[in-house]
Protein backbone atom coordinates (compact mmCIF):
# COMPACT_ATOMS: atom_id res chain seq x y z
CA MET A 1 0.00 0.00 0.00
CA SER A 2 1.37 3.40 -1.00
CA LEU A 3 1.64 6.33 1.41
CA ASP A 4 -1.21 8.13 -0.37
CA GLU A 5 -3.43 5.05 -0.13
CA LYS A 6 -2.64 4.65 3.56
CA THR A 7 -3.44 8.31 4.20
CA THR A 8 -6.74 7.98 2.36
CA GLU A 9 -7.61 4.85 4.33
CA THR A 10 -6.79 6.52 7.66
CA ALA A 11 -8.83 9.60 6.76
CA GLN A 12 -11.79 7.44 5.75
CA GLU A 13 -11.57 5.45 8.97
CA ALA A 14 -11.63 8.66 11.00
CA LEU A 15 -14.72 9.87 9.14
CA ASP A 16 -16.43 6.48 9.49
CA ASN A 17 -15.91 6.64 13.26
CA LEU A 18 -17.47 10.09 13.42
CA ILE A 19 -20.49 8.99 11.40
CA ALA A 20 -20.89 5.92 13.61
CA GLY A 21 -20.92 8.26 16.60
CA VAL A 22 -23.58 10.47 15.00
CA ILE A 23 -25.81 7.46 14.43
CA GLN A 24 -25.25 6.13 17.94
CA PHE A 25 -26.14 9.52 19.42
CA ARG A 26 -29.32 9.75 17.36
CA GLU A 27 -30.47 6.19 18.04
CA ASP A 28 -29.25 5.54 21.61
CA ILE A 29 -28.34 8.74 23.48
CA TYR A 30 -30.95 11.21 22.23
CA PRO A 31 -34.00 9.03 23.05
CA GLU A 32 -32.84 8.79 26.68
CA GLN A 33 -32.71 12.59 26.98
CA ARG A 34 -35.46 13.55 24.56
CA GLU A 35 -37.20 15.81 27.08
CA LEU A 36 -34.01 17.78 27.76
CA PHE A 37 -33.25 18.27 24.08
CA ASN A 38 -36.83 19.32 23.35
CA LYS A 39 -36.45 22.03 26.02
CA LEU A 40 -33.08 23.12 24.69
CA ALA A 41 -34.53 23.42 21.19
CA HIS A 42 -36.12 26.71 22.23
CA GLU A 43 -33.82 28.27 24.84
CA GLN A 44 -30.47 28.14 26.58
CA THR A 45 -29.70 29.25 30.12
CA PRO A 46 -26.08 28.19 30.72
CA ARG A 47 -24.74 28.34 34.24
CA ALA A 48 -21.27 29.48 33.19
CA MET A 49 -19.04 30.47 30.30
CA PHE A 50 -16.03 28.20 29.84
CA ILE A 51 -13.06 29.55 27.86
CA THR A 52 -10.50 26.86 27.17
CA CYS A 53 -8.00 25.51 24.67
CA ALA A 54 -8.96 23.89 21.36
CA ASP A 55 -6.83 20.89 22.34
CA SER A 56 -8.72 17.68 21.51
CA ARG A 57 -7.97 16.23 24.96
CA ILE A 58 -9.96 18.90 26.80
CA LEU A 59 -13.70 18.22 27.14
CA PRO A 60 -15.27 20.88 29.38
CA GLU A 61 -18.58 19.03 29.77
CA LEU A 62 -16.77 15.83 30.71
CA ILE A 63 -14.38 17.26 33.29
CA THR A 64 -17.16 19.28 34.93
CA GLN A 65 -19.80 16.56 34.45
CA SER A 66 -22.14 19.09 32.84
CA SER A 67 -25.20 18.40 30.73
CA PRO A 68 -26.10 19.97 27.38
CA GLY A 69 -27.11 23.58 27.99
CA ASP A 70 -25.04 23.99 31.16
CA LEU A 71 -21.91 25.56 29.65
CA PHE A 72 -21.41 28.28 27.06
CA VAL A 73 -18.06 27.13 25.66
CA THR A 74 -15.47 29.07 23.69
CA ARG A 75 -12.33 27.27 22.54
CA ASN A 76 -9.19 28.51 20.83
CA VAL A 77 -5.48 27.82 20.64
CA GLY A 78 -4.01 28.64 24.06
CA ASN A 79 -7.28 29.64 25.81
CA ILE A 80 -6.59 33.22 24.80
CA VAL A 81 -8.76 36.23 25.67
CA PRO A 82 -7.64 39.23 23.60
CA PRO A 83 -7.88 42.56 25.43
CA TYR A 84 -10.99 44.54 24.57
CA GLY A 85 -10.67 46.51 21.35
CA ILE A 86 -7.55 44.70 20.14
CA MET A 87 -9.38 42.01 18.21
CA ASN A 88 -13.17 42.14 18.19
CA GLY A 89 -13.52 38.61 16.88
CA GLY A 90 -15.05 35.38 18.09
CA VAL A 91 -13.79 35.40 21.67
CA SER A 92 -14.76 39.01 22.38
CA THR A 93 -18.14 38.53 20.76
CA ALA A 94 -18.79 35.37 22.75
CA ILE A 95 -17.90 37.08 26.03
CA GLU A 96 -20.20 40.01 25.38
CA PHE A 97 -23.06 37.73 24.33
CA ALA A 98 -22.59 35.42 27.33
CA VAL A 99 -22.62 38.30 29.81
CA MET A 100 -25.16 40.64 28.23
CA ALA A 101 -27.59 38.30 26.48
CA LEU A 102 -27.33 35.07 28.45
CA GLY A 103 -26.58 36.62 31.84
CA VAL A 104 -23.98 34.07 32.94
CA HIS A 105 -22.72 34.55 36.48
CA HIS A 106 -19.38 32.77 36.07
CA ILE A 107 -16.60 32.89 33.48
CA ILE A 108 -13.88 30.25 33.73
CA VAL A 109 -10.58 30.52 31.86
CA CYS A 110 -9.06 27.05 31.83
CA GLY A 111 -5.55 26.13 30.76
CA HIS A 112 -4.14 22.61 30.79
CA SER A 113 -1.03 20.49 31.12
CA ASP A 114 1.14 19.66 28.09
CA CYS A 115 -0.29 22.62 26.18
CA GLY A 116 1.08 22.81 22.64
CA ALA A 117 0.34 26.53 22.46
CA MET A 118 2.42 27.21 25.57
CA LYS A 119 5.24 25.05 24.17
CA ALA A 120 5.14 27.22 21.06
CA VAL A 121 5.34 30.38 23.19
CA LEU A 122 8.51 28.94 24.73
CA ASN A 123 9.86 27.99 21.30
CA PRO A 124 8.78 30.60 18.74
CA ALA A 125 10.87 28.94 16.03
CA SER A 126 8.37 26.07 16.05
CA LEU A 127 5.83 28.49 14.55
CA ASP A 128 7.79 29.06 11.35
CA GLY A 129 5.29 28.67 8.54
CA MET A 130 2.33 29.40 10.86
CA PRO A 131 2.06 33.20 10.85
CA THR A 132 -1.55 33.26 12.02
CA VAL A 133 -0.77 31.12 15.07
CA ARG A 134 2.30 33.24 15.82
CA SER A 135 0.21 36.41 15.72
CA TRP A 136 -2.53 34.92 17.91
CA LEU A 137 -0.08 33.77 20.57
CA ARG A 138 1.28 37.28 21.01
CA HIS A 139 -1.58 37.60 23.48
CA ALA A 140 0.36 35.16 25.68
CA GLU A 141 3.67 37.02 25.42
CA VAL A 142 3.04 38.87 28.69
CA ALA A 143 2.98 35.50 30.50
CA ARG A 144 6.29 34.50 28.91
CA THR A 145 7.88 37.77 30.01
CA VAL A 146 6.64 37.33 33.58
CA VAL A 147 8.14 33.84 33.73
CA GLU A 148 11.41 34.85 32.09
CA GLU A 149 12.02 37.80 34.39
CA ASN A 150 10.96 36.08 37.60
CA CYS A 151 12.20 32.53 37.05
CA GLY A 152 15.44 33.43 35.32
CA CYS A 153 14.44 31.79 32.05
CA ALA A 154 11.48 30.56 30.04
CA ASP A 155 12.05 27.05 28.71
CA HIS A 156 10.53 23.56 28.84
CA ASN A 157 11.25 23.37 32.57
CA THR A 158 8.90 26.27 33.19
CA LEU A 159 6.01 25.01 31.05
CA GLY A 160 3.76 24.50 34.07
CA VAL A 161 4.51 27.95 35.45
CA LEU A 162 3.91 29.53 32.04
CA THR A 163 0.56 27.73 31.74
CA GLU A 164 -0.54 29.24 35.06
CA GLU A 165 0.76 32.70 34.19
CA ASN A 166 -1.03 32.56 30.86
CA VAL A 167 -4.34 31.89 32.61
CA LEU A 168 -3.71 34.90 34.86
CA ALA A 169 -2.78 37.06 31.85
CA GLN A 170 -6.02 36.12 30.11
CA LEU A 171 -8.00 36.93 33.26
CA ASP A 172 -6.38 40.38 33.18
CA HIS A 173 -7.43 40.72 29.54
CA LEU A 174 -10.93 39.53 30.41
CA ARG A 175 -11.36 42.35 32.90
CA THR A 176 -10.75 44.93 30.15
CA HIS A 177 -14.06 44.00 28.50
CA PRO A 178 -16.66 46.61 29.53
CA SER A 179 -19.48 44.11 30.05
CA VAL A 180 -17.24 42.04 32.33
CA ALA A 181 -15.82 45.01 34.24
CA ALA A 182 -19.26 46.45 34.94
CA ARG A 183 -20.68 43.23 36.33
CA LEU A 184 -17.57 42.41 38.33
CA ALA A 185 -17.86 45.83 39.98
CA SER A 186 -21.49 45.20 40.91
CA GLY A 187 -20.92 41.65 42.14
CA GLN A 188 -23.07 40.09 39.41
CA LEU A 189 -20.21 38.19 37.78
CA PHE A 190 -17.43 35.95 39.09
CA ILE A 191 -14.30 34.95 37.21
CA HIS A 192 -12.13 31.88 37.72
CA GLY A 193 -8.72 30.73 36.54
CA TRP A 194 -8.22 26.98 36.29
CA VAL A 195 -5.47 24.63 35.13
CA TYR A 196 -6.51 21.07 34.26
CA ASN A 197 -4.00 18.20 34.53
CA ILE A 198 -4.79 15.73 31.75
CA GLY A 199 -2.91 12.84 33.32
CA THR A 200 -4.31 13.07 36.86
CA SER A 201 -7.74 14.75 36.36
CA GLU A 202 -6.82 17.36 38.99
CA ILE A 203 -7.89 20.96 38.49
CA ARG A 204 -6.12 23.76 40.32
CA ALA A 205 -7.83 27.13 40.62
CA TYR A 206 -6.31 30.53 41.26
CA ASP A 207 -6.87 31.97 44.72
CA ALA A 208 -6.58 35.76 44.36
CA SER A 209 -6.52 36.26 48.13
CA LYS A 210 -3.42 34.05 48.48
CA GLY A 211 -1.83 34.66 45.09
CA GLU A 212 -1.53 30.97 44.25
CA PHE A 213 -3.21 28.06 42.48
CA ARG A 214 -4.86 25.55 44.79
CA LEU A 215 -6.43 22.15 44.18
CA ILE A 216 -10.20 22.24 43.74
CA GLY A 217 -11.76 20.06 46.43
CA ASP A 218 -9.07 20.84 49.01
CA GLY A 219 -10.81 23.34 51.26
CA PRO A 220 -12.91 26.36 50.18
CA LEU A 221 -13.16 26.98 46.45
CA PRO A 222 -10.32 29.28 45.32
CA MET A 223 -11.68 32.46 43.70
CA ALA A 224 -9.98 34.79 41.22
CA THR A 225 -12.72 37.41 41.39
CA PRO A 226 -11.72 40.87 42.62
CA LYS A 227 -13.84 42.41 45.37
CA SER A 228 -16.98 44.07 44.05
CA ARG A 229 -17.31 47.84 44.55
CA TYR A 230 -21.03 48.43 43.97
CA VAL A 231 -23.16 45.98 45.94
């Protein structure tokens, strides 16, 4: 079998698996939750917005055990939140819609272990030939600078630290969005910074009061939300 034939066979197998999943969902899963899907056909009232990486290993609904309709999910390379006004694209639009139209009370920015985007931030040469990705990841450059200047270097040994700092950088960017800033000030919105460990299932959340990431489930829930000013 030639390389082209093998590639075609692999691609067809991948598609066949997806189609099999579609059929299984329609015939087995949907009937068991027909009432829920009938309700969702006319409205959505998600409990939270979840901003995370496009990495195929990250399934927000799975790791939070959420049902359809519970999460308003936005995914992109590196769980990036561009500062308001810099790039009024999909992420900014989703944030504004989630806060203003859907009225979510929580926004979670979730990074993860072994993040390819963060590896690329540490090794910009790996982005040669990918100018769009390089440009997008400039929104994570502040995290790299923080790590480099405070840890003495920014390399593969600091990947975990960079992942955490990137989540904090994106939370800072998130607070520049007017809809977010207004509702944070009035205590109507809460923001969270999480890092998910793929290999262990652990999620560590940023505790703004202590300035550190702590394991979810070990004591009170760590909160990244600044104190509200208009309550």
